[in-house]
Amino acid sequence: MKRSAAAVLLSLALAAPALAANVGQSAPDFALTDLAGKPVKLSDHKGSYVVLEWVNPECPYVRKHYDSANMPNLQKEFGGKKVVWLTINSTNANHPEFKSPEQMGAWMKQKGGAPAATMLDRDSKVGKAYNARTTPHMYIVDPKGQLVYAGAIDDKRSTNPADIPTSKNYVRAALGEALAGKAISTASTTPYGCTVKY
């Protein structure tokens, strides 16, 4: 029994992406196109803080943060502070929950979303490079291109929007500290949400 458990753990370790993003290391560069077909490359934003947000409109955890305007408000708040917010949907093109650019754009507009760009990761390569496991799964990249935060948006692991006002928002806290020139006190947390539909 112990051997089989060890074998399972080993197989899971081997299945993890070899180049998965780790806090304190360079964030994997990527090039995707936004919903209008314009190229977006992470390395083009060196010199700025960048937030990477994994999203899936079908996920109730994502809906919690969009229906309440929590995520759109964060996008607007930090976009106004010159933080580049990139939203990525890594749902595989063959999955039933895949959204076309038109569908994704209409949903984002309806929810009042305001990222600098929304992108479809149709073959899931970018999501796997970052080992994005949930929607939402949040990352912060510093101006040097290093990953300085990875994990959950907040500490209330629920689908209930009523939990948002009393939660600790890890992304807001990390960005606030980083923009003030301080060390990020909580640089890594366990993400929660729906599994990314690879």
N, C-alpha and C. Protein backbone atom coordinates (compact mmCIF):
# COMPACT_ATOMS: atom_id res chain seq x y z
N MET A 1 0.84 -1.21 0.00
CA MET A 1 0.00 0.00 0.00
C MET A 1 0.87 1.26 0.00
N LYS A 2 1.92 1.24 0.86
CA LYS A 2 2.81 2.39 0.93
C LYS A 2 3.54 2.59 -0.38
N ARG A 3 3.93 1.46 -1.01
CA ARG A 3 4.66 1.57 -2.27
C ARG A 3 3.79 2.20 -3.35
N SER A 4 2.52 1.81 -3.39
CA SER A 4 1.66 2.36 -4.44
C SER A 4 1.41 3.85 -4.21
N ALA A 5 1.30 4.28 -2.95
CA ALA A 5 1.12 5.70 -2.65
C ALA A 5 2.35 6.48 -3.09
N ALA A 6 3.53 5.90 -2.79
CA ALA A 6 4.77 6.56 -3.21
C ALA A 6 4.86 6.64 -4.73
N ALA A 7 4.42 5.57 -5.38
CA ALA A 7 4.44 5.56 -6.85
C ALA A 7 3.51 6.63 -7.42
N VAL A 8 2.36 6.79 -6.77
CA VAL A 8 1.41 7.81 -7.22
C VAL A 8 2.03 9.20 -7.05
N LEU A 9 2.66 9.45 -5.90
CA LEU A 9 3.30 10.75 -5.66
C LEU A 9 4.41 11.01 -6.66
N LEU A 10 5.18 9.96 -6.97
CA LEU A 10 6.26 10.10 -7.93
C LEU A 10 5.71 10.42 -9.31
N SER A 11 4.64 9.74 -9.69
CA SER A 11 4.06 10.00 -11.02
C SER A 11 3.50 11.41 -11.10
N LEU A 12 2.93 11.89 -9.99
CA LEU A 12 2.42 13.27 -9.97
C LEU A 12 3.57 14.26 -10.10
N ALA A 13 4.67 13.98 -9.41
CA ALA A 13 5.83 14.86 -9.49
C ALA A 13 6.39 14.89 -10.91
N LEU A 14 6.43 13.72 -11.54
CA LEU A 14 6.95 13.65 -12.90
C LEU A 14 6.02 14.32 -13.90
N ALA A 15 4.73 14.34 -13.57
CA ALA A 15 3.75 14.94 -14.49
C ALA A 15 3.76 16.46 -14.41
N ALA A 16 4.32 17.02 -13.31
CA ALA A 16 4.35 18.48 -13.16
C ALA A 16 5.25 19.08 -14.23
N PRO A 17 4.89 20.24 -14.76
CA PRO A 17 5.69 20.86 -15.81
C PRO A 17 7.11 21.13 -15.35
N ALA A 18 8.07 20.80 -16.18
CA ALA A 18 9.48 20.96 -15.83
C ALA A 18 9.82 22.44 -15.64
N LEU A 19 9.12 23.32 -16.36
CA LEU A 19 9.43 24.74 -16.31
C LEU A 19 8.37 25.53 -15.55
N ALA A 20 7.69 24.86 -14.63
CA ALA A 20 6.62 25.53 -13.88
C ALA A 20 7.17 26.75 -13.16
N ALA A 21 6.36 27.80 -13.10
CA ALA A 21 6.79 29.06 -12.49
C ALA A 21 6.89 28.91 -10.98
N ASN A 22 7.97 29.44 -10.43
CA ASN A 22 8.17 29.44 -8.99
C ASN A 22 8.50 30.85 -8.51
N VAL A 23 7.93 31.20 -7.35
CA VAL A 23 8.20 32.52 -6.77
C VAL A 23 9.70 32.67 -6.55
N GLY A 24 10.23 33.82 -6.92
CA GLY A 24 11.65 34.08 -6.77
C GLY A 24 12.45 33.77 -8.02
N GLN A 25 11.79 33.18 -9.01
CA GLN A 25 12.46 32.86 -10.28
C GLN A 25 11.85 33.69 -11.40
N SER A 26 12.50 33.67 -12.55
CA SER A 26 11.98 34.40 -13.71
C SER A 26 10.64 33.80 -14.14
N ALA A 27 9.69 34.67 -14.40
CA ALA A 27 8.38 34.21 -14.89
C ALA A 27 8.54 33.74 -16.34
N PRO A 28 8.01 32.57 -16.68
CA PRO A 28 8.12 32.10 -18.06
C PRO A 28 7.52 33.10 -19.04
N ASP A 29 8.27 33.46 -20.07
CA ASP A 29 7.75 34.38 -21.07
C ASP A 29 6.70 33.64 -21.91
N PHE A 30 5.80 34.39 -22.49
CA PHE A 30 4.80 33.79 -23.38
C PHE A 30 4.33 34.84 -24.37
N ALA A 31 3.77 34.36 -25.45
CA ALA A 31 3.16 35.23 -26.46
C ALA A 31 1.80 34.65 -26.81
N LEU A 32 0.76 35.43 -26.58
CA LEU A 32 -0.60 35.06 -26.96
C LEU A 32 -1.20 36.23 -27.73
N THR A 33 -2.40 36.07 -28.23
CA THR A 33 -3.09 37.20 -28.85
C THR A 33 -4.30 37.55 -28.00
N ASP A 34 -4.63 38.84 -27.96
CA ASP A 34 -5.81 39.24 -27.21
C ASP A 34 -7.07 38.92 -28.01
N LEU A 35 -8.22 39.29 -27.49
CA LEU A 35 -9.48 38.90 -28.12
C LEU A 35 -9.68 39.55 -29.48
N ALA A 36 -8.93 40.62 -29.76
CA ALA A 36 -9.01 41.28 -31.06
C ALA A 36 -7.92 40.78 -32.02
N GLY A 37 -7.11 39.83 -31.56
CA GLY A 37 -6.06 39.28 -32.40
C GLY A 37 -4.72 40.00 -32.31
N LYS A 38 -4.61 40.95 -31.35
CA LYS A 38 -3.36 41.70 -31.19
C LYS A 38 -2.38 40.89 -30.34
N PRO A 39 -1.10 40.79 -30.77
CA PRO A 39 -0.11 40.02 -30.00
C PRO A 39 0.16 40.64 -28.63
N VAL A 40 0.27 39.78 -27.63
CA VAL A 40 0.60 40.20 -26.27
C VAL A 40 1.74 39.31 -25.79
N LYS A 41 2.86 39.93 -25.41
CA LYS A 41 4.02 39.17 -24.95
C LYS A 41 4.37 39.66 -23.55
N LEU A 42 4.57 38.72 -22.62
CA LEU A 42 4.88 39.12 -21.25
C LEU A 42 6.13 39.99 -21.20
N SER A 43 7.17 39.61 -21.91
CA SER A 43 8.45 40.34 -21.84
C SER A 43 8.34 41.77 -22.37
N ASP A 44 7.30 42.07 -23.13
CA ASP A 44 7.10 43.45 -23.59
C ASP A 44 6.76 44.38 -22.42
N HIS A 45 6.39 43.80 -21.28
CA HIS A 45 5.97 44.61 -20.13
C HIS A 45 7.03 44.67 -19.04
N LYS A 46 8.27 44.28 -19.37
CA LYS A 46 9.35 44.42 -18.39
C LYS A 46 9.46 45.88 -18.01
N GLY A 47 9.69 46.13 -16.74
CA GLY A 47 9.71 47.51 -16.25
C GLY A 47 8.42 47.87 -15.53
N SER A 48 7.41 47.00 -15.64
CA SER A 48 6.13 47.23 -14.96
C SER A 48 5.79 45.99 -14.12
N TYR A 49 4.98 46.22 -13.09
CA TYR A 49 4.39 45.07 -12.41
C TYR A 49 3.29 44.51 -13.30
N VAL A 50 3.19 43.18 -13.36
CA VAL A 50 2.19 42.51 -14.18
C VAL A 50 1.43 41.52 -13.31
N VAL A 51 0.11 41.55 -13.39
CA VAL A 51 -0.72 40.54 -12.74
C VAL A 51 -1.20 39.57 -13.82
N LEU A 52 -1.07 38.28 -13.56
CA LEU A 52 -1.63 37.25 -14.43
C LEU A 52 -2.79 36.61 -13.67
N GLU A 53 -3.95 36.63 -14.29
CA GLU A 53 -5.17 36.09 -13.67
C GLU A 53 -5.73 34.99 -14.57
N TRP A 54 -5.85 33.78 -14.01
CA TRP A 54 -6.49 32.70 -14.79
C TRP A 54 -7.98 32.72 -14.54
N VAL A 55 -8.75 32.61 -15.63
CA VAL A 55 -10.20 32.82 -15.56
C VAL A 55 -10.94 31.75 -16.35
N ASN A 56 -12.16 31.46 -15.93
CA ASN A 56 -13.10 30.63 -16.68
C ASN A 56 -14.50 31.10 -16.29
N PRO A 57 -15.25 31.72 -17.21
CA PRO A 57 -16.57 32.25 -16.87
C PRO A 57 -17.56 31.22 -16.33
N GLU A 58 -17.32 29.94 -16.60
CA GLU A 58 -18.23 28.89 -16.14
C GLU A 58 -18.00 28.52 -14.68
N CYS A 59 -16.92 28.99 -14.09
CA CYS A 59 -16.55 28.58 -12.73
C CYS A 59 -17.26 29.43 -11.68
N PRO A 60 -17.94 28.82 -10.71
CA PRO A 60 -18.64 29.61 -9.68
C PRO A 60 -17.69 30.44 -8.81
N TYR A 61 -16.45 30.01 -8.66
CA TYR A 61 -15.48 30.80 -7.89
C TYR A 61 -15.11 32.07 -8.66
N VAL A 62 -14.98 31.94 -9.97
CA VAL A 62 -14.72 33.12 -10.81
C VAL A 62 -15.93 34.04 -10.78
N ARG A 63 -17.12 33.46 -10.89
CA ARG A 63 -18.35 34.28 -10.88
C ARG A 63 -18.48 35.05 -9.56
N LYS A 64 -18.05 34.43 -8.46
CA LYS A 64 -18.07 35.12 -7.16
C LYS A 64 -17.33 36.45 -7.25
N HIS A 65 -16.18 36.44 -7.89
CA HIS A 65 -15.34 37.64 -7.91
C HIS A 65 -15.70 38.61 -9.03
N TYR A 66 -16.42 38.13 -10.05
CA TYR A 66 -16.86 39.03 -11.13
C TYR A 66 -18.27 39.55 -10.88
N ASP A 67 -19.18 38.69 -10.41
CA ASP A 67 -20.56 39.15 -10.16
C ASP A 67 -20.59 40.22 -9.07
N SER A 68 -19.65 40.13 -8.12
CA SER A 68 -19.57 41.09 -7.02
C SER A 68 -18.78 42.34 -7.42
N ALA A 69 -18.16 42.31 -8.61
CA ALA A 69 -17.28 43.37 -9.12
C ALA A 69 -15.94 43.42 -8.39
N ASN A 70 -15.64 42.43 -7.57
CA ASN A 70 -14.36 42.42 -6.86
C ASN A 70 -13.18 42.38 -7.83
N MET A 71 -13.22 41.46 -8.80
CA MET A 71 -12.10 41.36 -9.74
C MET A 71 -12.03 42.58 -10.67
N PRO A 72 -13.15 43.00 -11.28
CA PRO A 72 -13.08 44.22 -12.10
C PRO A 72 -12.57 45.44 -11.34
N ASN A 73 -12.97 45.57 -10.07
CA ASN A 73 -12.51 46.71 -9.28
C ASN A 73 -11.01 46.66 -9.03
N LEU A 74 -10.48 45.46 -8.80
CA LEU A 74 -9.03 45.30 -8.63
C LEU A 74 -8.31 45.68 -9.93
N GLN A 75 -8.86 45.21 -11.05
CA GLN A 75 -8.26 45.53 -12.36
C GLN A 75 -8.20 47.03 -12.58
N LYS A 76 -9.28 47.73 -12.25
CA LYS A 76 -9.33 49.18 -12.43
C LYS A 76 -8.41 49.89 -11.43
N GLU A 77 -8.44 49.45 -10.19
CA GLU A 77 -7.63 50.08 -9.14
C GLU A 77 -6.15 50.04 -9.51
N PHE A 78 -5.66 48.87 -9.88
CA PHE A 78 -4.22 48.75 -10.13
C PHE A 78 -3.85 49.13 -11.56
N GLY A 79 -4.79 49.06 -12.48
CA GLY A 79 -4.53 49.60 -13.81
C GLY A 79 -4.25 51.09 -13.72
N GLY A 80 -4.94 51.76 -12.78
CA GLY A 80 -4.72 53.19 -12.55
C GLY A 80 -3.37 53.48 -11.90
N LYS A 81 -2.72 52.43 -11.39
CA LYS A 81 -1.39 52.59 -10.78
C LYS A 81 -0.31 52.01 -11.69
N LYS A 82 -0.63 51.90 -12.97
CA LYS A 82 0.31 51.45 -14.00
C LYS A 82 0.71 49.97 -13.87
N VAL A 83 -0.13 49.18 -13.19
CA VAL A 83 0.08 47.73 -13.15
C VAL A 83 -0.61 47.14 -14.39
N VAL A 84 0.09 46.27 -15.11
CA VAL A 84 -0.46 45.64 -16.32
C VAL A 84 -1.18 44.36 -15.89
N TRP A 85 -2.49 44.32 -16.12
CA TRP A 85 -3.30 43.17 -15.69
C TRP A 85 -3.64 42.34 -16.93
N LEU A 86 -3.17 41.11 -16.96
CA LEU A 86 -3.42 40.21 -18.09
C LEU A 86 -4.28 39.04 -17.63
N THR A 87 -5.42 38.87 -18.25
CA THR A 87 -6.35 37.80 -17.90
C THR A 87 -6.25 36.70 -18.96
N ILE A 88 -6.09 35.46 -18.49
CA ILE A 88 -5.85 34.33 -19.39
C ILE A 88 -6.88 33.24 -19.14
N ASN A 89 -7.50 32.78 -20.23
CA ASN A 89 -8.41 31.63 -20.16
C ASN A 89 -7.70 30.46 -20.85
N SER A 90 -7.28 29.47 -20.06
CA SER A 90 -6.55 28.32 -20.59
C SER A 90 -7.44 27.12 -20.86
N THR A 91 -8.76 27.33 -20.85
CA THR A 91 -9.66 26.23 -21.19
C THR A 91 -9.33 25.74 -22.60
N ASN A 92 -9.07 24.44 -22.71
CA ASN A 92 -8.67 23.87 -24.00
C ASN A 92 -9.77 24.07 -25.04
N ALA A 93 -9.36 24.33 -26.28
CA ALA A 93 -10.31 24.61 -27.36
C ALA A 93 -11.28 23.46 -27.59
N ASN A 94 -10.92 22.25 -27.18
CA ASN A 94 -11.80 21.09 -27.37
C ASN A 94 -12.72 20.83 -26.19
N HIS A 95 -12.62 21.64 -25.14
CA HIS A 95 -13.44 21.43 -23.94
C HIS A 95 -14.79 22.13 -24.10
N PRO A 96 -15.87 21.53 -23.57
CA PRO A 96 -17.20 22.16 -23.69
C PRO A 96 -17.29 23.56 -23.09
N GLU A 97 -16.42 23.90 -22.13
CA GLU A 97 -16.47 25.23 -21.50
C GLU A 97 -15.62 26.27 -22.23
N PHE A 98 -15.02 25.89 -23.35
CA PHE A 98 -14.22 26.84 -24.13
C PHE A 98 -15.10 27.99 -24.62
N LYS A 99 -14.57 29.19 -24.57
CA LYS A 99 -15.27 30.38 -25.07
C LYS A 99 -14.52 30.93 -26.29
N SER A 100 -15.28 31.31 -27.30
CA SER A 100 -14.68 31.97 -28.46
C SER A 100 -14.26 33.38 -28.05
N PRO A 101 -13.42 34.04 -28.84
CA PRO A 101 -13.06 35.42 -28.51
C PRO A 101 -14.29 36.32 -28.34
N GLU A 102 -15.30 36.12 -29.19
CA GLU A 102 -16.52 36.93 -29.11
C GLU A 102 -17.27 36.66 -27.80
N GLN A 103 -17.38 35.38 -27.44
CA GLN A 103 -18.08 35.03 -26.20
C GLN A 103 -17.33 35.56 -24.97
N MET A 104 -16.01 35.42 -25.00
CA MET A 104 -15.20 35.86 -23.87
C MET A 104 -15.27 37.38 -23.75
N GLY A 105 -15.20 38.07 -24.87
CA GLY A 105 -15.28 39.53 -24.86
C GLY A 105 -16.62 40.04 -24.36
N ALA A 106 -17.70 39.37 -24.79
CA ALA A 106 -19.04 39.78 -24.37
C ALA A 106 -19.20 39.59 -22.87
N TRP A 107 -18.68 38.47 -22.35
CA TRP A 107 -18.78 38.20 -20.91
C TRP A 107 -17.99 39.23 -20.12
N MET A 108 -16.78 39.52 -20.57
CA MET A 108 -15.93 40.48 -19.86
C MET A 108 -16.58 41.87 -19.85
N LYS A 109 -17.17 42.24 -20.97
CA LYS A 109 -17.84 43.54 -21.06
C LYS A 109 -19.05 43.59 -20.12
N GLN A 110 -19.82 42.51 -20.11
CA GLN A 110 -21.01 42.43 -19.25
C GLN A 110 -20.64 42.56 -17.78
N LYS A 111 -19.50 42.00 -17.41
CA LYS A 111 -19.07 42.02 -16.01
C LYS A 111 -18.31 43.29 -15.64
N GLY A 112 -18.04 44.15 -16.61
CA GLY A 112 -17.32 45.38 -16.32
C GLY A 112 -15.83 45.17 -16.12
N GLY A 113 -15.32 44.06 -16.66
CA GLY A 113 -13.90 43.76 -16.53
C GLY A 113 -13.03 44.81 -17.21
N ALA A 114 -11.84 45.04 -16.64
CA ALA A 114 -10.97 46.07 -17.19
C ALA A 114 -9.49 45.66 -17.19
N PRO A 115 -9.20 44.40 -17.60
CA PRO A 115 -7.78 44.05 -17.71
C PRO A 115 -7.15 44.77 -18.90
N ALA A 116 -5.82 44.86 -18.90
CA ALA A 116 -5.13 45.44 -20.06
C ALA A 116 -5.35 44.57 -21.28
N ALA A 117 -5.47 43.26 -21.07
CA ALA A 117 -5.74 42.33 -22.18
C ALA A 117 -6.36 41.06 -21.62
N THR A 118 -7.27 40.47 -22.41
CA THR A 118 -7.81 39.15 -22.12
C THR A 118 -7.38 38.24 -23.26
N MET A 119 -6.87 37.07 -22.91
CA MET A 119 -6.31 36.18 -23.93
C MET A 119 -6.82 34.76 -23.76
N LEU A 120 -6.93 34.07 -24.89
CA LEU A 120 -7.28 32.65 -24.88
C LEU A 120 -6.01 31.83 -25.10
N ASP A 121 -5.76 30.92 -24.20
CA ASP A 121 -4.62 30.01 -24.27
C ASP A 121 -5.16 28.68 -24.79
N ARG A 122 -5.49 28.64 -26.08
CA ARG A 122 -6.27 27.54 -26.67
C ARG A 122 -5.66 26.17 -26.50
N ASP A 123 -4.32 26.11 -26.56
CA ASP A 123 -3.67 24.80 -26.41
C ASP A 123 -3.15 24.59 -24.99
N SER A 124 -3.48 25.50 -24.10
CA SER A 124 -3.17 25.40 -22.66
C SER A 124 -1.68 25.45 -22.34
N LYS A 125 -0.84 25.82 -23.29
CA LYS A 125 0.61 25.79 -23.05
C LYS A 125 1.04 26.79 -21.98
N VAL A 126 0.45 27.97 -21.99
CA VAL A 126 0.85 28.99 -21.02
C VAL A 126 0.40 28.58 -19.61
N GLY A 127 -0.82 28.10 -19.51
CA GLY A 127 -1.31 27.63 -18.21
C GLY A 127 -0.43 26.54 -17.63
N LYS A 128 -0.02 25.62 -18.48
CA LYS A 128 0.83 24.51 -18.00
C LYS A 128 2.23 25.01 -17.66
N ALA A 129 2.74 26.00 -18.38
CA ALA A 129 4.06 26.55 -18.07
C ALA A 129 4.06 27.18 -16.68
N TYR A 130 2.91 27.75 -16.29
CA TYR A 130 2.80 28.37 -14.97
C TYR A 130 2.26 27.41 -13.92
N ASN A 131 1.90 26.21 -14.35
CA ASN A 131 1.25 25.24 -13.46
C ASN A 131 0.01 25.86 -12.82
N ALA A 132 -0.73 26.63 -13.62
CA ALA A 132 -1.99 27.21 -13.15
C ALA A 132 -2.97 26.07 -12.91
N ARG A 133 -3.47 25.98 -11.68
CA ARG A 133 -4.29 24.82 -11.31
C ARG A 133 -5.77 25.13 -11.15
N THR A 134 -6.06 26.40 -10.85
CA THR A 134 -7.45 26.74 -10.54
C THR A 134 -7.86 28.03 -11.25
N THR A 135 -9.17 28.22 -11.32
CA THR A 135 -9.69 29.53 -11.70
C THR A 135 -10.51 30.04 -10.52
N PRO A 136 -10.09 31.22 -9.97
CA PRO A 136 -8.91 31.99 -10.36
C PRO A 136 -7.62 31.41 -9.78
N HIS A 137 -6.50 31.67 -10.46
CA HIS A 137 -5.15 31.43 -9.93
C HIS A 137 -4.39 32.69 -10.30
N MET A 138 -3.75 33.31 -9.32
CA MET A 138 -3.19 34.64 -9.48
C MET A 138 -1.66 34.62 -9.38
N TYR A 139 -1.02 35.44 -10.20
CA TYR A 139 0.43 35.58 -10.18
C TYR A 139 0.77 37.06 -10.31
N ILE A 140 1.88 37.48 -9.68
CA ILE A 140 2.39 38.83 -9.84
C ILE A 140 3.85 38.74 -10.29
N VAL A 141 4.16 39.46 -11.36
CA VAL A 141 5.51 39.51 -11.91
C VAL A 141 6.05 40.91 -11.67
N ASP A 142 7.28 41.00 -11.15
CA ASP A 142 7.84 42.32 -10.86
C ASP A 142 8.48 42.95 -12.11
N PRO A 143 8.92 44.21 -12.03
CA PRO A 143 9.47 44.87 -13.22
C PRO A 143 10.71 44.20 -13.82
N LYS A 144 11.40 43.37 -13.03
CA LYS A 144 12.57 42.65 -13.54
C LYS A 144 12.19 41.35 -14.23
N GLY A 145 10.89 41.00 -14.17
CA GLY A 145 10.43 39.76 -14.79
C GLY A 145 10.44 38.57 -13.86
N GLN A 146 10.58 38.84 -12.55
CA GLN A 146 10.58 37.75 -11.58
C GLN A 146 9.19 37.58 -10.97
N LEU A 147 8.86 36.33 -10.69
CA LEU A 147 7.58 36.03 -10.06
C LEU A 147 7.69 36.33 -8.57
N VAL A 148 6.81 37.21 -8.07
CA VAL A 148 6.90 37.61 -6.66
C VAL A 148 5.67 37.20 -5.85
N TYR A 149 4.62 36.74 -6.53
CA TYR A 149 3.45 36.18 -5.82
C TYR A 149 2.81 35.12 -6.69
N ALA A 150 2.33 34.06 -6.05
CA ALA A 150 1.56 33.02 -6.75
C ALA A 150 0.58 32.40 -5.77
N GLY A 151 -0.68 32.29 -6.20
CA GLY A 151 -1.64 31.61 -5.34
C GLY A 151 -3.05 32.12 -5.47
N ALA A 152 -3.74 32.16 -4.34
CA ALA A 152 -5.15 32.52 -4.28
C ALA A 152 -5.35 34.03 -4.34
N ILE A 153 -6.55 34.44 -4.70
CA ILE A 153 -6.87 35.86 -4.66
C ILE A 153 -7.07 36.32 -3.22
N ASP A 154 -7.65 35.45 -2.38
CA ASP A 154 -7.90 35.82 -0.99
C ASP A 154 -7.94 34.58 -0.10
N ASP A 155 -8.29 34.79 1.16
CA ASP A 155 -8.23 33.69 2.13
C ASP A 155 -9.60 33.08 2.45
N LYS A 156 -10.64 33.44 1.72
CA LYS A 156 -11.97 32.85 1.95
C LYS A 156 -12.29 31.91 0.79
N ARG A 157 -12.09 30.63 1.02
CA ARG A 157 -12.20 29.63 -0.05
C ARG A 157 -13.65 29.22 -0.24
N SER A 158 -14.44 30.14 -0.77
CA SER A 158 -15.87 29.86 -0.96
C SER A 158 -16.34 30.47 -2.28
N THR A 159 -17.58 30.15 -2.63
CA THR A 159 -18.20 30.74 -3.82
C THR A 159 -19.17 31.85 -3.43
N ASN A 160 -19.19 32.22 -2.15
CA ASN A 160 -20.16 33.18 -1.64
C ASN A 160 -19.60 34.60 -1.69
N PRO A 161 -20.19 35.48 -2.51
CA PRO A 161 -19.71 36.87 -2.58
C PRO A 161 -19.77 37.60 -1.24
N ALA A 162 -20.64 37.16 -0.34
CA ALA A 162 -20.75 37.81 0.97
C ALA A 162 -19.48 37.67 1.79
N ASP A 163 -18.62 36.72 1.41
CA ASP A 163 -17.36 36.52 2.14
C ASP A 163 -16.28 37.54 1.75
N ILE A 164 -16.47 38.23 0.64
CA ILE A 164 -15.41 39.09 0.12
C ILE A 164 -15.04 40.23 1.07
N PRO A 165 -16.02 40.96 1.64
CA PRO A 165 -15.65 42.10 2.49
C PRO A 165 -14.80 41.73 3.71
N THR A 166 -14.94 40.50 4.21
CA THR A 166 -14.18 40.11 5.41
C THR A 166 -12.96 39.26 5.07
N SER A 167 -12.65 39.12 3.80
CA SER A 167 -11.50 38.30 3.42
C SER A 167 -10.24 39.15 3.35
N LYS A 168 -9.09 38.46 3.45
CA LYS A 168 -7.81 39.13 3.20
C LYS A 168 -7.49 38.94 1.73
N ASN A 169 -7.42 40.03 0.98
CA ASN A 169 -7.11 39.94 -0.44
C ASN A 169 -5.58 39.93 -0.61
N TYR A 170 -5.06 38.74 -0.91
CA TYR A 170 -3.61 38.57 -1.02
C TYR A 170 -3.02 39.39 -2.17
N VAL A 171 -3.78 39.51 -3.27
CA VAL A 171 -3.27 40.22 -4.44
C VAL A 171 -3.16 41.72 -4.14
N ARG A 172 -4.19 42.29 -3.55
CA ARG A 172 -4.15 43.71 -3.19
C ARG A 172 -3.02 43.98 -2.19
N ALA A 173 -2.89 43.10 -1.20
CA ALA A 173 -1.85 43.28 -0.18
C ALA A 173 -0.46 43.20 -0.81
N ALA A 174 -0.23 42.21 -1.67
CA ALA A 174 1.08 42.03 -2.29
C ALA A 174 1.42 43.20 -3.21
N LEU A 175 0.46 43.65 -4.00
CA LEU A 175 0.70 44.78 -4.89
C LEU A 175 0.95 46.06 -4.09
N GLY A 176 0.18 46.24 -3.03
CA GLY A 176 0.36 47.43 -2.19
C GLY A 176 1.76 47.48 -1.61
N GLU A 177 2.23 46.34 -1.08
CA GLU A 177 3.58 46.28 -0.51
C GLU A 177 4.63 46.51 -1.59
N ALA A 178 4.46 45.81 -2.73
CA ALA A 178 5.46 45.92 -3.80
C ALA A 178 5.56 47.34 -4.33
N LEU A 179 4.42 47.99 -4.55
CA LEU A 179 4.43 49.35 -5.09
C LEU A 179 4.99 50.36 -4.09
N ALA A 180 4.93 50.00 -2.79
CA ALA A 180 5.50 50.87 -1.76
C ALA A 180 6.98 50.58 -1.51
N GLY A 181 7.53 49.65 -2.31
CA GLY A 181 8.94 49.31 -2.16
C GLY A 181 9.24 48.38 -1.00
N LYS A 182 8.20 47.73 -0.48
CA LYS A 182 8.37 46.82 0.65
C LYS A 182 8.46 45.37 0.16
N ALA A 183 8.98 44.50 1.01
CA ALA A 183 8.98 43.07 0.72
C ALA A 183 7.55 42.55 0.82
N ILE A 184 7.20 41.61 -0.03
CA ILE A 184 5.86 41.03 0.02
C ILE A 184 5.80 40.03 1.17
N SER A 185 4.91 40.29 2.12
CA SER A 185 4.87 39.49 3.34
C SER A 185 4.31 38.09 3.10
N THR A 186 3.37 37.95 2.17
CA THR A 186 2.84 36.63 1.83
C THR A 186 3.01 36.45 0.33
N ALA A 187 4.07 35.72 -0.05
CA ALA A 187 4.42 35.60 -1.46
C ALA A 187 3.85 34.36 -2.13
N SER A 188 3.35 33.44 -1.33
CA SER A 188 2.82 32.20 -1.91
C SER A 188 1.69 31.68 -1.04
N THR A 189 0.57 31.34 -1.69
CA THR A 189 -0.57 30.74 -0.99
C THR A 189 -1.11 29.61 -1.86
N THR A 190 -1.98 28.82 -1.28
CA THR A 190 -2.60 27.73 -2.04
C THR A 190 -3.81 28.26 -2.78
N PRO A 191 -3.83 28.14 -4.12
CA PRO A 191 -4.98 28.66 -4.87
C PRO A 191 -6.23 27.82 -4.62
N TYR A 192 -7.38 28.44 -4.81
CA TYR A 192 -8.63 27.69 -4.71
C TYR A 192 -9.51 28.06 -5.89
N GLY A 193 -10.44 27.17 -6.22
CA GLY A 193 -11.36 27.43 -7.32
C GLY A 193 -11.65 26.15 -8.10
N CYS A 194 -12.09 26.30 -9.33
CA CYS A 194 -12.34 25.16 -10.21
C CYS A 194 -11.02 24.77 -10.88
N THR A 195 -10.89 23.51 -11.22
CA THR A 195 -9.69 23.09 -11.92
C THR A 195 -9.65 23.74 -13.31
N VAL A 196 -8.45 24.08 -13.77
CA VAL A 196 -8.29 24.61 -15.13
C VAL A 196 -8.62 23.49 -16.10
N LYS A 197 -9.45 23.78 -17.09
CA LYS A 197 -9.95 22.73 -18.00
C LYS A 197 -8.98 22.48 -19.15
N TYR A 198 -7.87 21.80 -18.82
CA TYR A 198 -6.87 21.47 -19.83
C TYR A 198 -7.35 20.33 -20.72
